[in-house]
Amino acid sequence: MNYMVLEWLLLLATVFTSGVVLLDKMVLAKHRGQVTIPAWIVQCYKSFPWLLFLLIAAWLGFSVNPQMGVVTFNFPLVLTLAVIVSGLVYLLDIVWFAKRRNAIQRTMPSWIEQARSFFPILLLVLVIRSFIAQPFHVPSGSLEPTVLPGDFVLTNQFIYGLRLPVINTKVISIHEPKRGDIVVFRWPVNPQVDLVKRVIGLPGDHIVYKNKQLIINGIPASLTEIGPATDYEPGGNLDVIAYEEDLLGVKHKILINPNAYGTGDLDITVPANAYFMMGDNRDNSDDSRTWGPMPEANIVGKAEWILLSFDPQTHKFRWDRSGDSL
């Protein structure tokens, strides 16, 4: 979808409806007299406030990510804005609009009725996705073979502490990420983009990655070869080798391409309040080896389950993965 076209269409629709409303109030209403207001003008009155809200939401929510060449959408910001606007209309109607309406025996305007109907639903959605759980779609294969392209993972929002939506400030601390956890976080390069990687290094850890061998605090993460595997890529699948890696007691599968240079070698000490993140697809993952440790403030939640899995190559659901824990 071309989001710039969408924003232009919203702008044109908002300008048209606002123009009709102003024209009606300033000219048409005076000449209409007792004639019933036309239905299309009524619809403009009803649509204008919502089109204006959608235009503002689109302007605030959509952003271009030049590093990845995609358009992203800040859904938490738009959802929070919708809750605030609908809640404010609800409150004003209770303390002011309703009294004036009852005094002159007028019916409730449709835009107020819609705001009062939407507010509890929007508030419930905001509470659930901000403090309990929310799904994320994984488009890439950086965590293969653990997470495949097309997986929808469910993220635990409270295990690492409760954070306020939009500003992402932690208000209650609960647990800290552990080595081996799969974490959804805001990409330090562009916080509008959410990434999912595995925690490799904790604050203060000395991480060495050399010749495709991971060494944590001087202890090599042992590798046990499993056998040939496939790295599923949109431009063509690659033949790789699957291994079981032991992250100082946390065992999981990884993929290594013996013919790929990957991201090269690295030697780093993880700073305080940060984590070293890597994908399980070691030679095809943009992670902390490229852009450095991930600040603790960027954490969104812990990915714990695969809700649904859709294969983008065959366009079929992978039902056998649905419900798997991570």
C-alpha atoms as a PDB file:
ATOM      1  CA  MET A   1       0.000   0.000   0.000  1.00  0.00           C
ATOM      2  CA  ASN A   2       1.234   3.506  -0.837  1.00  0.00           C
ATOM      3  CA  TYR A   3       0.760   5.358   2.440  1.00  0.00           C
ATOM      4  CA  MET A   4       1.511   8.729   0.860  1.00  0.00           C
ATOM      5  CA  VAL A   5      -1.487   8.212  -1.444  1.00  0.00           C
ATOM      6  CA  LEU A   6      -3.589   7.282   1.599  1.00  0.00           C
ATOM      7  CA  GLU A   7      -2.571  10.461   3.400  1.00  0.00           C
ATOM      8  CA  TRP A   8      -3.399  12.575   0.328  1.00  0.00           C
ATOM      9  CA  LEU A   9      -6.820  10.927   0.009  1.00  0.00           C
ATOM     10  CA  LEU A  10      -7.498  11.588   3.702  1.00  0.00           C
ATOM     11  CA  LEU A  11      -6.398  15.197   3.259  1.00  0.00           C
ATOM     12  CA  LEU A  12      -8.675  15.718   0.252  1.00  0.00           C
ATOM     13  CA  ALA A  13     -11.641  14.087   2.021  1.00  0.00           C
ATOM     14  CA  THR A  14     -11.044  16.218   5.135  1.00  0.00           C
ATOM     15  CA  VAL A  15     -10.765  19.428   3.128  1.00  0.00           C
ATOM     16  CA  PHE A  16     -13.948  18.584   1.185  1.00  0.00           C
ATOM     17  CA  THR A  17     -16.066  17.733   4.241  1.00  0.00           C
ATOM     18  CA  SER A  18     -14.771  20.728   6.219  1.00  0.00           C
ATOM     19  CA  GLY A  19     -15.544  22.970   3.247  1.00  0.00           C
ATOM     20  CA  VAL A  20     -19.101  21.623   3.036  1.00  0.00           C
ATOM     21  CA  VAL A  21     -19.606  22.109   6.796  1.00  0.00           C
ATOM     22  CA  LEU A  22     -18.325  25.712   6.690  1.00  0.00           C
ATOM     23  CA  LEU A  23     -20.349  26.517   3.555  1.00  0.00           C
ATOM     24  CA  ASP A  24     -23.492  25.094   5.151  1.00  0.00           C
ATOM     25  CA  LYS A  25     -23.047  27.036   8.375  1.00  0.00           C
ATOM     26  CA  MET A  26     -22.211  30.327   6.662  1.00  0.00           C
ATOM     27  CA  VAL A  27     -24.483  30.244   3.572  1.00  0.00           C
ATOM     28  CA  LEU A  28     -26.670  27.232   2.896  1.00  0.00           C
ATOM     29  CA  ALA A  29     -28.324  27.018   6.320  1.00  0.00           C
ATOM     30  CA  LYS A  30     -29.532  30.635   6.050  1.00  0.00           C
ATOM     31  CA  HIS A  31     -31.235  30.005   2.714  1.00  0.00           C
ATOM     32  CA  ARG A  32     -32.569  26.567   3.551  1.00  0.00           C
ATOM     33  CA  GLY A  33     -35.157  27.770   6.008  1.00  0.00           C
ATOM     34  CA  GLN A  34     -37.450  24.928   7.076  1.00  0.00           C
ATOM     35  CA  VAL A  35     -36.234  22.576   4.317  1.00  0.00           C
ATOM     36  CA  THR A  36     -34.731  19.344   5.604  1.00  0.00           C
ATOM     37  CA  ILE A  37     -30.950  19.295   5.430  1.00  0.00           C
ATOM     38  CA  PRO A  38     -29.754  17.046   2.558  1.00  0.00           C
ATOM     39  CA  ALA A  39     -28.450  13.629   3.542  1.00  0.00           C
ATOM     40  CA  TRP A  40     -25.032  14.174   1.948  1.00  0.00           C
ATOM     41  CA  ILE A  41     -24.491  17.324   4.017  1.00  0.00           C
ATOM     42  CA  VAL A  42     -25.522  15.418   7.146  1.00  0.00           C
ATOM     43  CA  GLN A  43     -22.952  12.785   6.240  1.00  0.00           C
ATOM     44  CA  CYS A  44     -20.290  15.474   5.895  1.00  0.00           C
ATOM     45  CA  TYR A  45     -21.105  16.728   9.394  1.00  0.00           C
ATOM     46  CA  LYS A  46     -20.754  13.168  10.737  1.00  0.00           C
ATOM     47  CA  SER A  47     -17.598  12.313   8.797  1.00  0.00           C
ATOM     48  CA  PHE A  48     -15.562  15.480   9.244  1.00  0.00           C
ATOM     49  CA  PRO A  49     -14.383  14.959  12.875  1.00  0.00           C
ATOM     50  CA  TRP A  50     -13.402  11.339  12.182  1.00  0.00           C
ATOM     51  CA  LEU A  51     -11.603  12.182   8.937  1.00  0.00           C
ATOM     52  CA  LEU A  52      -9.720  14.919  10.752  1.00  0.00           C
ATOM     53  CA  PHE A  53      -8.742  12.464  13.479  1.00  0.00           C
ATOM     54  CA  LEU A  54      -7.596   9.872  10.928  1.00  0.00           C
ATOM     55  CA  LEU A  55      -5.563  12.508   9.072  1.00  0.00           C
ATOM     56  CA  ILE A  56      -3.789  13.569  12.269  1.00  0.00           C
ATOM     57  CA  ALA A  57      -3.273   9.925  13.255  1.00  0.00           C
ATOM     58  CA  ALA A  58      -1.813   9.099   9.842  1.00  0.00           C
ATOM     59  CA  TRP A  59       0.483  12.110   9.978  1.00  0.00           C
ATOM     60  CA  LEU A  60       1.721  11.160  13.445  1.00  0.00           C
ATOM     61  CA  GLY A  61       1.778   7.410  12.937  1.00  0.00           C
ATOM     62  CA  PHE A  62       3.379   6.811   9.545  1.00  0.00           C
ATOM     63  CA  SER A  63       7.118   7.243   9.173  1.00  0.00           C
ATOM     64  CA  VAL A  64       9.668   6.249   6.553  1.00  0.00           C
ATOM     65  CA  ASN A  65      12.524   3.994   7.606  1.00  0.00           C
ATOM     66  CA  PRO A  66      15.388   4.870   5.238  1.00  0.00           C
ATOM     67  CA  GLN A  67      17.685   2.144   6.575  1.00  0.00           C
ATOM     68  CA  MET A  68      15.279  -0.647   5.631  1.00  0.00           C
ATOM     69  CA  GLY A  69      13.446   1.148   2.817  1.00  0.00           C
ATOM     70  CA  VAL A  70       9.986   0.588   4.292  1.00  0.00           C
ATOM     71  CA  VAL A  71       7.148   2.630   5.752  1.00  0.00           C
ATOM     72  CA  THR A  72       6.349   1.923   9.403  1.00  0.00           C
ATOM     73  CA  PHE A  73       3.289   2.755  11.454  1.00  0.00           C
ATOM     74  CA  ASN A  74       3.342   3.865  15.096  1.00  0.00           C
ATOM     75  CA  PHE A  75       0.214   2.012  16.209  1.00  0.00           C
ATOM     76  CA  PRO A  76       0.691   2.597  19.985  1.00  0.00           C
ATOM     77  CA  LEU A  77       0.740   6.366  19.410  1.00  0.00           C
ATOM     78  CA  VAL A  78      -2.420   6.305  17.287  1.00  0.00           C
ATOM     79  CA  LEU A  79      -4.219   3.956  19.703  1.00  0.00           C
ATOM     80  CA  THR A  80      -3.304   6.120  22.700  1.00  0.00           C
ATOM     81  CA  LEU A  81      -4.448   9.226  20.837  1.00  0.00           C
ATOM     82  CA  ALA A  82      -7.759   7.520  20.005  1.00  0.00           C
ATOM     83  CA  VAL A  83      -8.292   6.607  23.668  1.00  0.00           C
ATOM     84  CA  ILE A  84      -7.542  10.172  24.798  1.00  0.00           C
ATOM     85  CA  VAL A  85      -9.823  11.794  22.219  1.00  0.00           C
ATOM     86  CA  SER A  86     -12.763   9.412  22.721  1.00  0.00           C
ATOM     87  CA  GLY A  87     -12.339   9.527  26.511  1.00  0.00           C
ATOM     88  CA  LEU A  88     -12.278  13.336  26.495  1.00  0.00           C
ATOM     89  CA  VAL A  89     -15.468  13.461  24.397  1.00  0.00           C
ATOM     90  CA  TYR A  90     -17.074  10.945  26.793  1.00  0.00           C
ATOM     91  CA  LEU A  91     -16.084  13.045  29.831  1.00  0.00           C
ATOM     92  CA  LEU A  92     -17.229  16.346  28.301  1.00  0.00           C
ATOM     93  CA  ASP A  93     -20.544  14.774  27.365  1.00  0.00           C
ATOM     94  CA  ILE A  94     -21.128  13.607  30.937  1.00  0.00           C
ATOM     95  CA  VAL A  95     -20.247  16.919  32.611  1.00  0.00           C
ATOM     96  CA  TRP A  96     -21.463  19.415  30.022  1.00  0.00           C
ATOM     97  CA  PHE A  97     -22.945  18.347  26.658  1.00  0.00           C
ATOM     98  CA  ALA A  98     -25.590  16.019  28.128  1.00  0.00           C
ATOM     99  CA  LYS A  99     -26.967  18.729  30.460  1.00  0.00           C
ATOM    100  CA  ARG A 100     -27.333  21.235  27.630  1.00  0.00           C
ATOM    101  CA  ARG A 101     -28.843  18.574  25.390  1.00  0.00           C
ATOM    102  CA  ASN A 102     -31.441  17.573  27.991  1.00  0.00           C
ATOM    103  CA  ALA A 103     -32.347  21.209  28.618  1.00  0.00           C
ATOM    104  CA  ILE A 104     -33.394  21.727  25.009  1.00  0.00           C
ATOM    105  CA  GLN A 105     -34.524  18.098  24.520  1.00  0.00           C
ATOM    106  CA  ARG A 106     -32.141  17.284  21.688  1.00  0.00           C
ATOM    107  CA  THR A 107     -30.928  13.821  20.778  1.00  0.00           C
ATOM    108  CA  MET A 108     -27.294  12.769  21.227  1.00  0.00           C
ATOM    109  CA  PRO A 109     -25.171  13.607  18.144  1.00  0.00           C
ATOM    110  CA  SER A 110     -23.845  10.557  16.343  1.00  0.00           C
ATOM    111  CA  TRP A 111     -20.174  11.555  16.801  1.00  0.00           C
ATOM    112  CA  ILE A 112     -20.617  11.698  20.581  1.00  0.00           C
ATOM    113  CA  GLU A 113     -22.512   8.401  20.540  1.00  0.00           C
ATOM    114  CA  GLN A 114     -19.697   6.780  18.547  1.00  0.00           C
ATOM    115  CA  ALA A 115     -17.015   8.191  20.860  1.00  0.00           C
ATOM    116  CA  ARG A 116     -18.832   6.849  23.922  1.00  0.00           C
ATOM    117  CA  SER A 117     -19.171   3.441  22.245  1.00  0.00           C
ATOM    118  CA  PHE A 118     -15.550   3.220  21.090  1.00  0.00           C
ATOM    119  CA  PHE A 119     -13.876   4.473  24.284  1.00  0.00           C
ATOM    120  CA  PRO A 120     -14.236   1.343  26.505  1.00  0.00           C
ATOM    121  CA  ILE A 121     -13.190  -0.940  23.628  1.00  0.00           C
ATOM    122  CA  LEU A 122     -10.159   1.173  22.723  1.00  0.00           C
ATOM    123  CA  LEU A 123      -9.170   1.466  26.389  1.00  0.00           C
ATOM    124  CA  LEU A 124      -9.355  -2.312  26.836  1.00  0.00           C
ATOM    125  CA  VAL A 125      -7.184  -2.891  23.741  1.00  0.00           C
ATOM    126  CA  LEU A 126      -4.643  -0.320  24.971  1.00  0.00           C
ATOM    127  CA  VAL A 127      -4.401  -1.945  28.416  1.00  0.00           C
ATOM    128  CA  ILE A 128      -4.026  -5.475  26.992  1.00  0.00           C
ATOM    129  CA  ARG A 129      -1.371  -4.671  24.376  1.00  0.00           C
ATOM    130  CA  SER A 130       0.569  -2.276  26.642  1.00  0.00           C
ATOM    131  CA  PHE A 131       0.628  -4.277  29.879  1.00  0.00           C
ATOM    132  CA  ILE A 132      -0.354  -7.899  29.152  1.00  0.00           C
ATOM    133  CA  ALA A 133       0.415  -9.278  25.665  1.00  0.00           C
ATOM    134  CA  GLN A 134       0.515  -8.351  22.001  1.00  0.00           C
ATOM    135  CA  PRO A 135       1.261 -10.184  18.740  1.00  0.00           C
ATOM    136  CA  PHE A 136       4.096  -9.387  16.357  1.00  0.00           C
ATOM    137  CA  HIS A 137       4.589 -10.487  12.767  1.00  0.00           C
ATOM    138  CA  VAL A 138       8.107 -11.682  11.884  1.00  0.00           C
ATOM    139  CA  PRO A 139       8.858 -10.872   8.205  1.00  0.00           C
ATOM    140  CA  SER A 140      12.507 -11.968   8.031  1.00  0.00           C
ATOM    141  CA  GLY A 141      14.536 -15.093   8.725  1.00  0.00           C
ATOM    142  CA  SER A 142      17.142 -13.689  11.119  1.00  0.00           C
ATOM    143  CA  LEU A 143      15.974 -16.064  13.883  1.00  0.00           C
ATOM    144  CA  GLU A 144      15.760 -19.211  11.765  1.00  0.00           C
ATOM    145  CA  PRO A 145      15.381 -22.056  12.573  1.00  0.00           C
ATOM    146  CA  THR A 146      13.671 -21.007  15.851  1.00  0.00           C
ATOM    147  CA  VAL A 147      11.377 -18.385  14.309  1.00  0.00           C
ATOM    148  CA  LEU A 148      10.505 -18.566  10.604  1.00  0.00           C
ATOM    149  CA  PRO A 149       9.450 -15.776   8.216  1.00  0.00           C
ATOM    150  CA  GLY A 150       5.681 -15.417   8.490  1.00  0.00           C
ATOM    151  CA  ASP A 151       5.436 -16.419  12.154  1.00  0.00           C
ATOM    152  CA  PHE A 152       3.162 -14.406  14.425  1.00  0.00           C
ATOM    153  CA  VAL A 153       4.680 -14.431  17.908  1.00  0.00           C
ATOM    154  CA  LEU A 154       2.897 -13.510  21.141  1.00  0.00           C
ATOM    155  CA  THR A 155       4.933 -11.255  23.398  1.00  0.00           C
ATOM    156  CA  ASN A 156       4.678 -11.143  27.189  1.00  0.00           C
ATOM    157  CA  GLN A 157       4.477  -7.423  27.970  1.00  0.00           C
ATOM    158  CA  PHE A 158       4.863  -7.525  31.764  1.00  0.00           C
ATOM    159  CA  ILE A 159       7.614 -10.065  32.449  1.00  0.00           C
ATOM    160  CA  TYR A 160      10.358  -7.416  32.121  1.00  0.00           C
ATOM    161  CA  GLY A 161       8.320  -4.723  33.884  1.00  0.00           C
ATOM    162  CA  LEU A 162       5.397  -2.452  33.103  1.00  0.00           C
ATOM    163  CA  ARG A 163       6.059   0.408  30.683  1.00  0.00           C
ATOM    164  CA  LEU A 164       3.859   3.338  29.750  1.00  0.00           C
ATOM    165  CA  PRO A 165       2.679   3.279  26.128  1.00  0.00           C
ATOM    166  CA  VAL A 166       4.225   5.673  23.579  1.00  0.00           C
ATOM    167  CA  ILE A 167       6.882   7.100  25.949  1.00  0.00           C
ATOM    168  CA  ASN A 168       7.946   3.532  26.931  1.00  0.00           C
ATOM    169  CA  THR A 169       9.037   4.570  30.424  1.00  0.00           C
ATOM    170  CA  LYS A 170       9.284   1.665  32.875  1.00  0.00           C
ATOM    171  CA  VAL A 171       7.116   2.316  35.927  1.00  0.00           C
ATOM    172  CA  ILE A 172       7.354  -1.099  37.624  1.00  0.00           C
ATOM    173  CA  SER A 173      10.357  -3.457  37.452  1.00  0.00           C
ATOM    174  CA  ILE A 174       9.636  -7.192  37.607  1.00  0.00           C
ATOM    175  CA  HIS A 175      12.334  -9.368  35.961  1.00  0.00           C
ATOM    176  CA  GLU A 176      15.410  -8.721  33.857  1.00  0.00           C
ATOM    177  CA  PRO A 177      16.119 -10.506  30.552  1.00  0.00           C
ATOM    178  CA  LYS A 178      18.079 -13.755  30.824  1.00  0.00           C
ATOM    179  CA  ARG A 179      20.647 -15.152  28.462  1.00  0.00           C
ATOM    180  CA  GLY A 180      18.862 -17.106  25.736  1.00  0.00           C
ATOM    181  CA  ASP A 181      15.565 -15.173  25.972  1.00  0.00           C
ATOM    182  CA  ILE A 182      13.959 -14.155  22.674  1.00  0.00           C
ATOM    183  CA  VAL A 183      13.112 -10.463  23.021  1.00  0.00           C
ATOM    184  CA  VAL A 184      11.105  -7.993  20.940  1.00  0.00           C
ATOM    185  CA  PHE A 185      12.668  -4.531  21.101  1.00  0.00           C
ATOM    186  CA  ARG A 186      12.782  -1.220  19.307  1.00  0.00           C
ATOM    187  CA  TRP A 187      15.675  -1.078  16.863  1.00  0.00           C
ATOM    188  CA  PRO A 188      18.277   1.406  18.207  1.00  0.00           C
ATOM    189  CA  VAL A 189      18.908   2.662  14.657  1.00  0.00           C
ATOM    190  CA  ASN A 190      15.215   3.525  14.167  1.00  0.00           C
ATOM    191  CA  PRO A 191      12.968   3.076  17.254  1.00  0.00           C
ATOM    192  CA  GLN A 192       9.881   3.031  15.004  1.00  0.00           C
ATOM    193  CA  VAL A 193      10.914  -0.473  13.892  1.00  0.00           C
ATOM    194  CA  ASP A 194      10.484  -3.524  16.151  1.00  0.00           C
ATOM    195  CA  LEU A 195      13.017  -6.345  15.915  1.00  0.00           C
ATOM    196  CA  VAL A 196      13.134  -9.783  17.528  1.00  0.00           C
ATOM    197  CA  LYS A 197      16.475 -11.348  18.494  1.00  0.00           C
ATOM    198  CA  ARG A 198      17.994 -13.602  21.142  1.00  0.00           C
ATOM    199  CA  VAL A 199      19.764 -12.268  24.236  1.00  0.00           C
ATOM    200  CA  ILE A 200      23.397 -13.366  24.005  1.00  0.00           C
ATOM    201  CA  GLY A 201      25.201 -10.975  26.325  1.00  0.00           C
ATOM    202  CA  LEU A 202      24.072  -9.479  29.643  1.00  0.00           C
ATOM    203  CA  PRO A 203      25.354  -6.180  31.102  1.00  0.00           C
ATOM    204  CA  GLY A 204      29.070  -6.532  31.860  1.00  0.00           C
ATOM    205  CA  ASP A 205      29.583  -9.663  29.720  1.00  0.00           C
ATOM    206  CA  HIS A 206      32.672  -9.942  27.532  1.00  0.00           C
ATOM    207  CA  ILE A 207      31.529 -11.148  24.109  1.00  0.00           C
ATOM    208  CA  VAL A 208      33.875 -12.464  21.436  1.00  0.00           C
ATOM    209  CA  TYR A 209      32.680 -13.690  18.032  1.00  0.00           C
ATOM    210  CA  LYS A 210      35.512 -15.110  15.955  1.00  0.00           C
ATOM    211  CA  ASN A 211      35.501 -17.580  13.072  1.00  0.00           C
ATOM    212  CA  LYS A 212      31.749 -18.080  13.665  1.00  0.00           C
ATOM    213  CA  GLN A 213      32.444 -19.211  17.242  1.00  0.00           C
ATOM    214  CA  LEU A 214      30.767 -17.374  20.137  1.00  0.00           C
ATOM    215  CA  ILE A 215      32.799 -16.931  23.355  1.00  0.00           C
ATOM    216  CA  ILE A 216      31.103 -15.504  26.462  1.00  0.00           C
ATOM    217  CA  ASN A 217      33.292 -14.379  29.376  1.00  0.00           C
ATOM    218  CA  GLY A 218      36.086 -16.575  28.079  1.00  0.00           C
ATOM    219  CA  ILE A 219      33.916 -19.701  27.771  1.00  0.00           C
ATOM    220  CA  PRO A 220      33.170 -20.962  24.230  1.00  0.00           C
ATOM    221  CA  ALA A 221      29.521 -21.658  23.436  1.00  0.00           C
ATOM    222  CA  SER A 222      29.847 -25.297  22.361  1.00  0.00           C
ATOM    223  CA  LEU A 223      28.404 -26.291  18.971  1.00  0.00           C
ATOM    224  CA  THR A 224      27.008 -29.720  18.090  1.00  0.00           C
ATOM    225  CA  GLU A 225      26.384 -30.269  14.391  1.00  0.00           C
ATOM    226  CA  ILE A 226      22.859 -31.445  13.530  1.00  0.00           C
ATOM    227  CA  GLY A 227      23.099 -31.599   9.748  1.00  0.00           C
ATOM    228  CA  PRO A 228      22.147 -29.853   6.488  1.00  0.00           C
ATOM    229  CA  ALA A 229      19.354 -27.257   6.684  1.00  0.00           C
ATOM    230  CA  THR A 230      17.738 -24.516   4.604  1.00  0.00           C
ATOM    231  CA  ASP A 231      17.789 -20.753   5.069  1.00  0.00           C
ATOM    232  CA  TYR A 232      14.452 -19.584   3.599  1.00  0.00           C
ATOM    233  CA  GLU A 233      14.953 -16.313   1.732  1.00  0.00           C
ATOM    234  CA  PRO A 234      12.639 -14.381  -0.662  1.00  0.00           C
ATOM    235  CA  GLY A 235      15.366 -14.141  -3.271  1.00  0.00           C
ATOM    236  CA  GLY A 236      16.234 -17.826  -3.144  1.00  0.00           C
ATOM    237  CA  ASN A 237      16.801 -20.416  -0.417  1.00  0.00           C
ATOM    238  CA  LEU A 238      20.324 -21.142   0.789  1.00  0.00           C
ATOM    239  CA  ASP A 239      21.928 -24.404   1.875  1.00  0.00           C
ATOM    240  CA  VAL A 240      23.292 -24.076   5.415  1.00  0.00           C
ATOM    241  CA  ILE A 241      24.245 -26.276   8.366  1.00  0.00           C
ATOM    242  CA  ALA A 242      22.196 -26.521  11.561  1.00  0.00           C
ATOM    243  CA  TYR A 243      23.932 -26.696  14.952  1.00  0.00           C
ATOM    244  CA  GLU A 244      22.851 -26.900  18.560  1.00  0.00           C
ATOM    245  CA  GLU A 245      24.519 -24.100  20.504  1.00  0.00           C
ATOM    246  CA  ASP A 246      25.003 -24.139  24.275  1.00  0.00           C
ATOM    247  CA  LEU A 247      24.829 -20.591  25.670  1.00  0.00           C
ATOM    248  CA  LEU A 248      26.374 -21.444  29.040  1.00  0.00           C
ATOM    249  CA  GLY A 249      23.495 -23.817  29.825  1.00  0.00           C
ATOM    250  CA  VAL A 250      20.822 -22.544  27.415  1.00  0.00           C
ATOM    251  CA  LYS A 251      20.661 -24.842  24.371  1.00  0.00           C
ATOM    252  CA  HIS A 252      19.054 -23.815  21.097  1.00  0.00           C
ATOM    253  CA  LYS A 253      19.457 -24.346  17.357  1.00  0.00           C
ATOM    254  CA  ILE A 254      21.319 -22.012  15.032  1.00  0.00           C
ATOM    255  CA  LEU A 255      22.147 -21.874  11.322  1.00  0.00           C
ATOM    256  CA  ILE A 256      25.635 -21.313   9.928  1.00  0.00           C
ATOM    257  CA  ASN A 257      26.506 -20.782   6.278  1.00  0.00           C
ATOM    258  CA  PRO A 258      30.074 -22.044   5.813  1.00  0.00           C
ATOM    259  CA  ASN A 259      30.332 -20.176   2.509  1.00  0.00           C
ATOM    260  CA  ALA A 260      29.275 -16.771   3.871  1.00  0.00           C
ATOM    261  CA  TYR A 261      31.568 -14.197   5.424  1.00  0.00           C
ATOM    262  CA  GLY A 262      28.761 -12.966   7.687  1.00  0.00           C
ATOM    263  CA  THR A 263      29.358  -9.913   9.883  1.00  0.00           C
ATOM    264  CA  GLY A 264      33.002 -10.636  10.659  1.00  0.00           C
ATOM    265  CA  ASP A 265      34.745 -10.952  14.027  1.00  0.00           C
ATOM    266  CA  LEU A 266      34.081  -8.850  17.098  1.00  0.00           C
ATOM    267  CA  ASP A 267      35.301  -8.291  20.669  1.00  0.00           C
ATOM    268  CA  ILE A 268      33.098  -6.203  22.978  1.00  0.00           C
ATOM    269  CA  THR A 269      32.136  -5.734  26.626  1.00  0.00           C
ATOM    270  CA  VAL A 270      28.408  -5.125  27.058  1.00  0.00           C
ATOM    271  CA  PRO A 271      27.809  -1.795  28.844  1.00  0.00           C
ATOM    272  CA  ALA A 272      25.507  -1.340  31.821  1.00  0.00           C
ATOM    273  CA  ASN A 273      21.768  -1.250  31.083  1.00  0.00           C
ATOM    274  CA  ALA A 274      22.252  -2.877  27.683  1.00  0.00           C
ATOM    275  CA  TYR A 275      22.113  -6.319  26.069  1.00  0.00           C
ATOM    276  CA  PHE A 276      23.955  -7.964  23.203  1.00  0.00           C
ATOM    277  CA  MET A 277      21.394  -9.351  20.742  1.00  0.00           C
ATOM    278  CA  MET A 278      21.959 -11.859  17.930  1.00  0.00           C
ATOM    279  CA  GLY A 279      19.857 -13.801  15.472  1.00  0.00           C
ATOM    280  CA  ASP A 280      20.018 -17.587  15.353  1.00  0.00           C
ATOM    281  CA  ASN A 281      20.610 -17.337  11.597  1.00  0.00           C
ATOM    282  CA  ARG A 282      24.174 -16.255  12.271  1.00  0.00           C
ATOM    283  CA  ASP A 283      25.261 -15.364   8.736  1.00  0.00           C
ATOM    284  CA  ASN A 284      22.014 -13.621   7.794  1.00  0.00           C
ATOM    285  CA  SER A 285      21.086 -11.405  10.724  1.00  0.00           C
ATOM    286  CA  ASP A 286      21.408  -7.654  11.253  1.00  0.00           C
ATOM    287  CA  ASP A 287      22.037  -7.530  14.998  1.00  0.00           C
ATOM    288  CA  SER A 288      24.317  -6.180  17.734  1.00  0.00           C
ATOM    289  CA  ARG A 289      27.348  -7.232  15.723  1.00  0.00           C
ATOM    290  CA  THR A 290      26.387  -4.447  13.303  1.00  0.00           C
ATOM    291  CA  TRP A 291      24.712  -1.703  15.364  1.00  0.00           C
ATOM    292  CA  GLY A 292      25.971  -2.445  18.886  1.00  0.00           C
ATOM    293  CA  PRO A 293      24.275  -3.393  22.177  1.00  0.00           C
ATOM    294  CA  MET A 294      20.548  -2.833  22.637  1.00  0.00           C
ATOM    295  CA  PRO A 295      19.661  -0.354  25.441  1.00  0.00           C
ATOM    296  CA  GLU A 296      17.404  -1.768  28.161  1.00  0.00           C
ATOM    297  CA  ALA A 297      14.987   1.118  27.570  1.00  0.00           C
ATOM    298  CA  ASN A 298      14.247  -0.267  24.072  1.00  0.00           C
ATOM    299  CA  ILE A 299      12.759  -3.542  25.345  1.00  0.00           C
ATOM    300  CA  VAL A 300       9.148  -4.232  24.338  1.00  0.00           C
ATOM    301  CA  GLY A 301       8.628  -7.719  25.765  1.00  0.00           C
ATOM    302  CA  LYS A 302       9.567 -11.388  25.711  1.00  0.00           C
ATOM    303  CA  ALA A 303       8.437 -13.513  22.754  1.00  0.00           C
ATOM    304  CA  GLU A 304       7.024 -16.693  24.285  1.00  0.00           C
ATOM    305  CA  TRP A 305       4.649 -18.406  21.825  1.00  0.00           C
ATOM    306  CA  ILE A 306       3.991 -18.767  18.113  1.00  0.00           C
ATOM    307  CA  LEU A 307       0.350 -17.816  17.623  1.00  0.00           C
ATOM    308  CA  LEU A 308       0.171 -18.570  13.925  1.00  0.00           C
ATOM    309  CA  SER A 309       2.592 -19.303  11.109  1.00  0.00           C
ATOM    310  CA  PHE A 310       2.075 -18.429   7.446  1.00  0.00           C
ATOM    311  CA  ASP A 311       4.567 -19.541   4.805  1.00  0.00           C
ATOM    312  CA  PRO A 312       5.132 -16.553   2.442  1.00  0.00           C
ATOM    313  CA  GLN A 313       6.629 -18.848  -0.200  1.00  0.00           C
ATOM    314  CA  THR A 314       3.841 -21.449  -0.459  1.00  0.00           C
ATOM    315  CA  HIS A 315       1.102 -19.062   0.784  1.00  0.00           C
ATOM    316  CA  LYS A 316      -0.120 -21.736   3.193  1.00  0.00           C
ATOM    317  CA  PHE A 317      -0.498 -21.852   6.957  1.00  0.00           C
ATOM    318  CA  ARG A 318       2.029 -23.940   8.884  1.00  0.00           C
ATOM    319  CA  TRP A 319      -0.472 -25.320  11.382  1.00  0.00           C
ATOM    320  CA  ASP A 320       2.098 -27.597  13.036  1.00  0.00           C
ATOM    321  CA  ARG A 321       3.935 -24.512  14.410  1.00  0.00           C
ATOM    322  CA  SER A 322       0.873 -22.786  15.851  1.00  0.00           C
ATOM    323  CA  GLY A 323       0.923 -22.804  19.636  1.00  0.00           C
ATOM    324  CA  ASP A 324       4.610 -23.751  19.938  1.00  0.00           C
ATOM    325  CA  SER A 325       6.493 -22.154  22.806  1.00  0.00           C
ATOM    326  CA  LEU A 326       9.768 -20.312  22.216  1.00  0.00           C
END
